[in-house]
Amino acid sequence: MAPPIFPNGMTLYTIGFAALKYPALPPPPVNVPLTNQVGALQHQPQDIQNHQVAQIASQYLTALIEYQTSDEPTLHDPSLPQYYFSTAICLLNFLNASPDVCKCIAAHPTLVNNIVEKLLAPEFLDGMKSVQRPGGAHFPPATFDDDFGSLLQFLSTLLLYRDGMEALHPRIEELIPKLRTWKQTYRNSRTKTISAAAERLVEQIQGMDPTMIAMMRTMQEQSLKA
């Protein structure tokens, strides 16, 4: 596989460092949070993004899953943004444009079920809003809406592959009233992903039409051929 092409001086090293060494940042000149690095990747043409996804997944997918399901203290401290939308999930959310990545994550249902468990907690939303998110010298920190929308999008994408999960969280249906509330509450948010993903998750949890699931998977696969 040809060497990846990353913008703004980024490399596989700077991306992996920011994802797996929280709260440390990569060394200069790319000493910026992962959210900013992923944002730069998402502005690349689709064919370049596809190549980047393949390269990053090949290098870091296993490490990201192991990290996210580990006892790393920052992942379990509600006073930190890492608890709500970790750097590992941020990067996995970029990588799950690939069906193969989704299938690999689905084979580790603990990762998905931990997200569901946190979303079910009554204090989750207030806690996620109140934490201070890191920013760079020339980059603003991510917003609550950005992180929350990305988290719901991540969960929705993975549920397209629920047939590959050994077991889903036994209380996942309790998310439905919360999701319906979030759809309405954030319908005017500039982050349209929140309302859209919340609506889609309700359908997925209730039992989305298999034809629709197959169509969405096909669209995902076709995007990799762009």
C-alpha atoms as a PDB file:
ATOM      1  CA  MET A   1       0.000   0.000   0.000  1.00  0.00           C
ATOM      2  CA  ALA A   2       1.326   3.433  -0.930  1.00  0.00           C
ATOM      3  CA  PRO A   3       2.341   5.831   1.852  1.00  0.00           C
ATOM      4  CA  PRO A   4      -0.628   7.807   3.204  1.00  0.00           C
ATOM      5  CA  ILE A   5      -1.072  11.452   2.364  1.00  0.00           C
ATOM      6  CA  PHE A   6      -1.950  13.552   5.410  1.00  0.00           C
ATOM      7  CA  PRO A   7      -2.493  17.332   5.489  1.00  0.00           C
ATOM      8  CA  ASN A   8      -0.821  20.016   7.601  1.00  0.00           C
ATOM      9  CA  GLY A   9       2.248  18.007   8.548  1.00  0.00           C
ATOM     10  CA  MET A  10       0.212  15.232  10.157  1.00  0.00           C
ATOM     11  CA  THR A  11       1.527  11.669  10.157  1.00  0.00           C
ATOM     12  CA  LEU A  12       0.384   8.276  11.374  1.00  0.00           C
ATOM     13  CA  TYR A  13       2.481   8.968  14.456  1.00  0.00           C
ATOM     14  CA  THR A  14       0.825  12.294  15.340  1.00  0.00           C
ATOM     15  CA  ILE A  15      -2.641  10.806  14.844  1.00  0.00           C
ATOM     16  CA  GLY A  16      -1.960   7.727  16.939  1.00  0.00           C
ATOM     17  CA  PHE A  17      -0.184   9.744  19.626  1.00  0.00           C
ATOM     18  CA  ALA A  18      -3.129  12.120  20.053  1.00  0.00           C
ATOM     19  CA  ALA A  19      -5.586   9.207  20.143  1.00  0.00           C
ATOM     20  CA  LEU A  20      -3.776   6.954  22.596  1.00  0.00           C
ATOM     21  CA  LYS A  21      -1.740   9.287  24.829  1.00  0.00           C
ATOM     22  CA  TYR A  22      -4.488  11.579  26.174  1.00  0.00           C
ATOM     23  CA  PRO A  23      -4.102  14.215  27.573  1.00  0.00           C
ATOM     24  CA  ALA A  24      -0.635  14.573  26.018  1.00  0.00           C
ATOM     25  CA  LEU A  25      -0.353  16.143  22.565  1.00  0.00           C
ATOM     26  CA  PRO A  26       2.024  15.189  19.756  1.00  0.00           C
ATOM     27  CA  PRO A  27       5.274  17.161  19.556  1.00  0.00           C
ATOM     28  CA  PRO A  28       5.369  20.394  17.512  1.00  0.00           C
ATOM     29  CA  PRO A  29       4.509  21.383  14.893  1.00  0.00           C
ATOM     30  CA  VAL A  30       1.410  19.150  15.055  1.00  0.00           C
ATOM     31  CA  ASN A  31       0.770  19.599  18.778  1.00  0.00           C
ATOM     32  CA  VAL A  32      -2.998  19.880  18.412  1.00  0.00           C
ATOM     33  CA  PRO A  33      -5.847  17.752  19.821  1.00  0.00           C
ATOM     34  CA  LEU A  34      -7.095  14.763  17.872  1.00  0.00           C
ATOM     35  CA  THR A  35     -10.452  16.399  17.136  1.00  0.00           C
ATOM     36  CA  ASN A  36      -8.636  19.073  15.137  1.00  0.00           C
ATOM     37  CA  GLN A  37      -6.559  16.492  13.289  1.00  0.00           C
ATOM     38  CA  VAL A  38      -9.649  14.452  12.419  1.00  0.00           C
ATOM     39  CA  GLY A  39     -11.394  17.635  11.296  1.00  0.00           C
ATOM     40  CA  ALA A  40      -8.550  18.259   8.854  1.00  0.00           C
ATOM     41  CA  LEU A  41      -8.808  14.694   7.545  1.00  0.00           C
ATOM     42  CA  GLN A  42     -12.544  15.075   6.987  1.00  0.00           C
ATOM     43  CA  HIS A  43     -11.919  18.018   4.665  1.00  0.00           C
ATOM     44  CA  GLN A  44      -9.878  15.864   2.301  1.00  0.00           C
ATOM     45  CA  PRO A  45     -11.386  14.457  -0.929  1.00  0.00           C
ATOM     46  CA  GLN A  46     -13.231  11.183  -0.381  1.00  0.00           C
ATOM     47  CA  ASP A  47     -10.729   9.012  -2.234  1.00  0.00           C
ATOM     48  CA  ILE A  48      -7.897  10.366  -0.089  1.00  0.00           C
ATOM     49  CA  GLN A  49      -9.957   9.848   3.074  1.00  0.00           C
ATOM     50  CA  ASN A  50     -10.549   6.230   2.086  1.00  0.00           C
ATOM     51  CA  HIS A  51      -6.815   5.698   1.748  1.00  0.00           C
ATOM     52  CA  GLN A  52      -6.203   7.390   5.097  1.00  0.00           C
ATOM     53  CA  VAL A  53      -8.818   5.206   6.804  1.00  0.00           C
ATOM     54  CA  ALA A  54      -7.135   2.066   5.500  1.00  0.00           C
ATOM     55  CA  GLN A  55      -3.698   3.216   6.643  1.00  0.00           C
ATOM     56  CA  ILE A  56      -4.778   4.358  10.105  1.00  0.00           C
ATOM     57  CA  ALA A  57      -6.896   1.253  10.709  1.00  0.00           C
ATOM     58  CA  SER A  58      -4.052  -1.022   9.678  1.00  0.00           C
ATOM     59  CA  GLN A  59      -1.765   0.695  12.162  1.00  0.00           C
ATOM     60  CA  TYR A  60      -4.030   1.452  15.109  1.00  0.00           C
ATOM     61  CA  LEU A  61      -7.407  -0.325  15.047  1.00  0.00           C
ATOM     62  CA  THR A  62      -6.480  -3.064  17.509  1.00  0.00           C
ATOM     63  CA  ALA A  63      -4.753  -0.611  19.841  1.00  0.00           C
ATOM     64  CA  LEU A  64      -7.744   1.753  19.783  1.00  0.00           C
ATOM     65  CA  ILE A  65     -10.190  -1.009  20.715  1.00  0.00           C
ATOM     66  CA  GLU A  66      -7.914  -2.305  23.462  1.00  0.00           C
ATOM     67  CA  TYR A  67      -7.458   1.201  24.836  1.00  0.00           C
ATOM     68  CA  GLN A  68     -11.174   2.021  24.817  1.00  0.00           C
ATOM     69  CA  THR A  69     -12.066  -1.191  26.668  1.00  0.00           C
ATOM     70  CA  SER A  70      -9.211  -0.873  29.176  1.00  0.00           C
ATOM     71  CA  ASP A  71      -9.029   0.355  32.764  1.00  0.00           C
ATOM     72  CA  GLU A  72      -7.295   3.576  31.679  1.00  0.00           C
ATOM     73  CA  PRO A  73      -8.330   6.006  34.477  1.00  0.00           C
ATOM     74  CA  THR A  74      -9.225   8.925  32.199  1.00  0.00           C
ATOM     75  CA  LEU A  75     -11.889   6.789  30.495  1.00  0.00           C
ATOM     76  CA  HIS A  76     -13.659   6.270  33.814  1.00  0.00           C
ATOM     77  CA  ASP A  77     -13.472   9.755  35.320  1.00  0.00           C
ATOM     78  CA  PRO A  78     -16.700  11.755  34.698  1.00  0.00           C
ATOM     79  CA  SER A  79     -14.841  15.010  35.360  1.00  0.00           C
ATOM     80  CA  LEU A  80     -12.878  14.558  32.117  1.00  0.00           C
ATOM     81  CA  PRO A  81     -14.050  14.849  28.491  1.00  0.00           C
ATOM     82  CA  GLN A  82     -12.320  11.533  27.788  1.00  0.00           C
ATOM     83  CA  TYR A  83     -15.093   9.799  29.761  1.00  0.00           C
ATOM     84  CA  TYR A  84     -17.809  11.054  27.406  1.00  0.00           C
ATOM     85  CA  PHE A  85     -16.234  11.138  23.954  1.00  0.00           C
ATOM     86  CA  SER A  86     -12.736   9.755  24.106  1.00  0.00           C
ATOM     87  CA  THR A  87      -9.957  10.357  21.646  1.00  0.00           C
ATOM     88  CA  ALA A  88     -10.121   6.662  20.749  1.00  0.00           C
ATOM     89  CA  ILE A  89     -13.826   6.890  19.872  1.00  0.00           C
ATOM     90  CA  CYS A  90     -13.173  10.116  17.978  1.00  0.00           C
ATOM     91  CA  LEU A  91     -10.696   8.327  15.726  1.00  0.00           C
ATOM     92  CA  LEU A  92     -12.793   5.155  15.499  1.00  0.00           C
ATOM     93  CA  ASN A  93     -15.703   7.335  14.394  1.00  0.00           C
ATOM     94  CA  PHE A  94     -13.580   8.473  11.458  1.00  0.00           C
ATOM     95  CA  LEU A  95     -12.433   4.929  10.713  1.00  0.00           C
ATOM     96  CA  ASN A  96     -15.889   3.359  10.792  1.00  0.00           C
ATOM     97  CA  ALA A  97     -16.515   4.663   7.310  1.00  0.00           C
ATOM     98  CA  SER A  98     -15.047   1.228   6.561  1.00  0.00           C
ATOM     99  CA  PRO A  99     -17.390  -1.772   6.953  1.00  0.00           C
ATOM    100  CA  ASP A 100     -14.409  -3.915   7.940  1.00  0.00           C
ATOM    101  CA  VAL A 101     -13.652  -1.553  10.813  1.00  0.00           C
ATOM    102  CA  CYS A 102     -17.294  -1.671  11.937  1.00  0.00           C
ATOM    103  CA  LYS A 103     -17.284  -5.465  11.899  1.00  0.00           C
ATOM    104  CA  CYS A 104     -14.104  -5.540  13.937  1.00  0.00           C
ATOM    105  CA  ILE A 105     -15.557  -3.189  16.563  1.00  0.00           C
ATOM    106  CA  ALA A 106     -18.833  -5.136  16.605  1.00  0.00           C
ATOM    107  CA  ALA A 107     -16.843  -8.206  17.592  1.00  0.00           C
ATOM    108  CA  HIS A 108     -16.084  -6.352  20.846  1.00  0.00           C
ATOM    109  CA  PRO A 109     -19.589  -5.579  22.181  1.00  0.00           C
ATOM    110  CA  THR A 110     -18.170  -4.305  25.473  1.00  0.00           C
ATOM    111  CA  LEU A 111     -17.140  -1.132  23.668  1.00  0.00           C
ATOM    112  CA  VAL A 112     -20.659  -0.513  22.362  1.00  0.00           C
ATOM    113  CA  ASN A 113     -22.378  -1.539  25.577  1.00  0.00           C
ATOM    114  CA  ASN A 114     -20.209   0.790  27.646  1.00  0.00           C
ATOM    115  CA  ILE A 115     -21.448   3.687  25.515  1.00  0.00           C
ATOM    116  CA  VAL A 116     -25.053   2.603  26.034  1.00  0.00           C
ATOM    117  CA  GLU A 117     -24.478   2.306  29.784  1.00  0.00           C
ATOM    118  CA  LYS A 118     -23.124   5.844  29.943  1.00  0.00           C
ATOM    119  CA  LEU A 119     -25.925   7.292  27.803  1.00  0.00           C
ATOM    120  CA  LEU A 120     -28.475   5.727  30.145  1.00  0.00           C
ATOM    121  CA  ALA A 121     -27.041   7.523  33.176  1.00  0.00           C
ATOM    122  CA  PRO A 122     -29.309  10.436  34.247  1.00  0.00           C
ATOM    123  CA  GLU A 123     -26.332  12.733  34.789  1.00  0.00           C
ATOM    124  CA  PHE A 124     -24.593  11.945  31.487  1.00  0.00           C
ATOM    125  CA  LEU A 125     -25.739  14.951  29.460  1.00  0.00           C
ATOM    126  CA  ASP A 126     -25.110  17.526  32.179  1.00  0.00           C
ATOM    127  CA  GLY A 127     -21.698  16.038  32.841  1.00  0.00           C
ATOM    128  CA  MET A 128     -20.783  16.058  29.166  1.00  0.00           C
ATOM    129  CA  LYS A 129     -21.805  19.699  28.863  1.00  0.00           C
ATOM    130  CA  SER A 130     -19.818  20.819  31.887  1.00  0.00           C
ATOM    131  CA  VAL A 131     -16.389  19.308  31.168  1.00  0.00           C
ATOM    132  CA  GLN A 132     -13.627  21.489  29.773  1.00  0.00           C
ATOM    133  CA  ARG A 133     -12.463  20.301  26.373  1.00  0.00           C
ATOM    134  CA  PRO A 134      -8.853  20.769  25.291  1.00  0.00           C
ATOM    135  CA  GLY A 135      -7.941  23.091  22.466  1.00  0.00           C
ATOM    136  CA  GLY A 136      -4.727  24.012  20.708  1.00  0.00           C
ATOM    137  CA  ALA A 137      -2.857  27.295  20.579  1.00  0.00           C
ATOM    138  CA  HIS A 138      -4.557  28.180  17.301  1.00  0.00           C
ATOM    139  CA  PHE A 139      -7.523  25.811  17.425  1.00  0.00           C
ATOM    140  CA  PRO A 140     -10.755  26.169  19.401  1.00  0.00           C
ATOM    141  CA  PRO A 141     -11.845  23.215  21.536  1.00  0.00           C
ATOM    142  CA  ALA A 142     -14.622  20.961  20.345  1.00  0.00           C
ATOM    143  CA  THR A 143     -18.133  21.854  21.492  1.00  0.00           C
ATOM    144  CA  PHE A 144     -20.610  19.726  23.395  1.00  0.00           C
ATOM    145  CA  ASP A 145     -22.861  19.557  20.333  1.00  0.00           C
ATOM    146  CA  ASP A 146     -19.985  18.365  18.145  1.00  0.00           C
ATOM    147  CA  ASP A 147     -18.971  15.614  20.553  1.00  0.00           C
ATOM    148  CA  PHE A 148     -22.514  14.511  21.368  1.00  0.00           C
ATOM    149  CA  GLY A 149     -23.487  14.324  17.705  1.00  0.00           C
ATOM    150  CA  SER A 150     -20.369  12.324  16.893  1.00  0.00           C
ATOM    151  CA  LEU A 151     -21.022   9.915  19.767  1.00  0.00           C
ATOM    152  CA  LEU A 152     -24.591   9.226  18.620  1.00  0.00           C
ATOM    153  CA  GLN A 153     -23.412   8.866  15.025  1.00  0.00           C
ATOM    154  CA  PHE A 154     -20.752   6.397  16.127  1.00  0.00           C
ATOM    155  CA  LEU A 155     -23.289   4.268  17.982  1.00  0.00           C
ATOM    156  CA  SER A 156     -25.738   4.371  15.080  1.00  0.00           C
ATOM    157  CA  THR A 157     -23.127   3.247  12.566  1.00  0.00           C
ATOM    158  CA  LEU A 158     -22.088   0.333  14.755  1.00  0.00           C
ATOM    159  CA  LEU A 159     -25.685  -0.802  15.228  1.00  0.00           C
ATOM    160  CA  LEU A 160     -25.823  -1.430  11.485  1.00  0.00           C
ATOM    161  CA  TYR A 161     -23.622  -4.401  12.391  1.00  0.00           C
ATOM    162  CA  ARG A 162     -25.482  -5.572  15.480  1.00  0.00           C
ATOM    163  CA  ASP A 163     -25.819  -9.018  13.906  1.00  0.00           C
ATOM    164  CA  GLY A 164     -22.095  -9.364  14.553  1.00  0.00           C
ATOM    165  CA  MET A 165     -22.401  -8.554  18.259  1.00  0.00           C
ATOM    166  CA  GLU A 166     -22.667 -11.389  20.745  1.00  0.00           C
ATOM    167  CA  ALA A 167     -25.019  -9.409  22.960  1.00  0.00           C
ATOM    168  CA  LEU A 168     -26.377  -5.887  23.156  1.00  0.00           C
ATOM    169  CA  HIS A 169     -26.862  -4.036  26.417  1.00  0.00           C
ATOM    170  CA  PRO A 170     -29.985  -5.527  28.071  1.00  0.00           C
ATOM    171  CA  ARG A 171     -31.385  -2.048  28.769  1.00  0.00           C
ATOM    172  CA  ILE A 172     -30.755  -0.517  25.351  1.00  0.00           C
ATOM    173  CA  GLU A 173     -34.495  -0.041  24.758  1.00  0.00           C
ATOM    174  CA  GLU A 174     -34.535   2.372  27.699  1.00  0.00           C
ATOM    175  CA  LEU A 175     -32.607   4.761  25.472  1.00  0.00           C
ATOM    176  CA  ILE A 176     -35.626   5.247  23.202  1.00  0.00           C
ATOM    177  CA  PRO A 177     -37.425   7.953  25.258  1.00  0.00           C
ATOM    178  CA  LYS A 178     -34.114   9.743  25.786  1.00  0.00           C
ATOM    179  CA  LEU A 179     -33.372   9.643  22.068  1.00  0.00           C
ATOM    180  CA  ARG A 180     -36.802  11.027  21.221  1.00  0.00           C
ATOM    181  CA  THR A 181     -36.243  13.873  23.663  1.00  0.00           C
ATOM    182  CA  TRP A 182     -32.790  14.601  22.233  1.00  0.00           C
ATOM    183  CA  LYS A 183     -34.200  14.630  18.715  1.00  0.00           C
ATOM    184  CA  GLN A 184     -36.601  17.410  19.691  1.00  0.00           C
ATOM    185  CA  THR A 185     -34.258  19.294  22.012  1.00  0.00           C
ATOM    186  CA  TYR A 186     -31.467  19.553  19.445  1.00  0.00           C
ATOM    187  CA  ARG A 187     -33.486  19.863  16.248  1.00  0.00           C
ATOM    188  CA  ASN A 188     -32.268  23.459  15.865  1.00  0.00           C
ATOM    189  CA  SER A 189     -28.655  22.739  16.775  1.00  0.00           C
ATOM    190  CA  ARG A 190     -26.093  23.650  14.149  1.00  0.00           C
ATOM    191  CA  THR A 191     -24.887  20.057  14.623  1.00  0.00           C
ATOM    192  CA  LYS A 192     -27.665  18.361  12.669  1.00  0.00           C
ATOM    193  CA  THR A 193     -26.146  14.972  13.434  1.00  0.00           C
ATOM    194  CA  ILE A 194     -27.640  14.957  16.941  1.00  0.00           C
ATOM    195  CA  SER A 195     -31.277  15.022  15.857  1.00  0.00           C
ATOM    196  CA  ALA A 196     -30.721  12.835  12.792  1.00  0.00           C
ATOM    197  CA  ALA A 197     -28.741  10.161  14.632  1.00  0.00           C
ATOM    198  CA  ALA A 198     -31.168  10.167  17.570  1.00  0.00           C
ATOM    199  CA  GLU A 199     -34.086   9.536  15.212  1.00  0.00           C
ATOM    200  CA  ARG A 200     -32.219   6.790  13.371  1.00  0.00           C
ATOM    201  CA  LEU A 201     -31.160   5.108  16.615  1.00  0.00           C
ATOM    202  CA  VAL A 202     -34.794   4.798  17.702  1.00  0.00           C
ATOM    203  CA  GLU A 203     -35.543   2.889  14.500  1.00  0.00           C
ATOM    204  CA  GLN A 204     -32.457   0.736  14.911  1.00  0.00           C
ATOM    205  CA  ILE A 205     -33.192  -0.183  18.512  1.00  0.00           C
ATOM    206  CA  GLN A 206     -36.831  -0.954  17.764  1.00  0.00           C
ATOM    207  CA  GLY A 207     -35.804  -3.126  14.833  1.00  0.00           C
ATOM    208  CA  MET A 208     -34.972  -1.444  11.555  1.00  0.00           C
ATOM    209  CA  ASP A 209     -36.205  -3.058   8.352  1.00  0.00           C
ATOM    210  CA  PRO A 210     -33.467  -5.465   7.177  1.00  0.00           C
ATOM    211  CA  THR A 211     -33.808  -4.049   3.668  1.00  0.00           C
ATOM    212  CA  MET A 212     -32.971  -0.586   4.982  1.00  0.00           C
ATOM    213  CA  ILE A 213     -29.984  -1.939   6.912  1.00  0.00           C
ATOM    214  CA  ALA A 214     -28.706  -3.683   3.789  1.00  0.00           C
ATOM    215  CA  MET A 215     -29.146  -0.491   1.766  1.00  0.00           C
ATOM    216  CA  MET A 216     -27.225   1.591   4.312  1.00  0.00           C
ATOM    217  CA  ARG A 217     -24.418  -0.953   4.413  1.00  0.00           C
ATOM    218  CA  THR A 218     -24.256  -0.927   0.620  1.00  0.00           C
ATOM    219  CA  MET A 219     -24.041   2.867   0.590  1.00  0.00           C
ATOM    220  CA  GLN A 220     -21.187   2.665   3.079  1.00  0.00           C
ATOM    221  CA  GLU A 221     -19.326   0.148   0.919  1.00  0.00           C
ATOM    222  CA  GLN A 222     -19.875   2.185  -2.230  1.00  0.00           C
ATOM    223  CA  SER A 223     -18.460   5.307  -0.585  1.00  0.00           C
ATOM    224  CA  LEU A 224     -15.135   3.481  -0.285  1.00  0.00           C
ATOM    225  CA  LYS A 225     -15.062   3.075  -4.053  1.00  0.00           C
ATOM    226  CA  ALA A 226     -15.435   6.798  -4.667  1.00  0.00           C
END
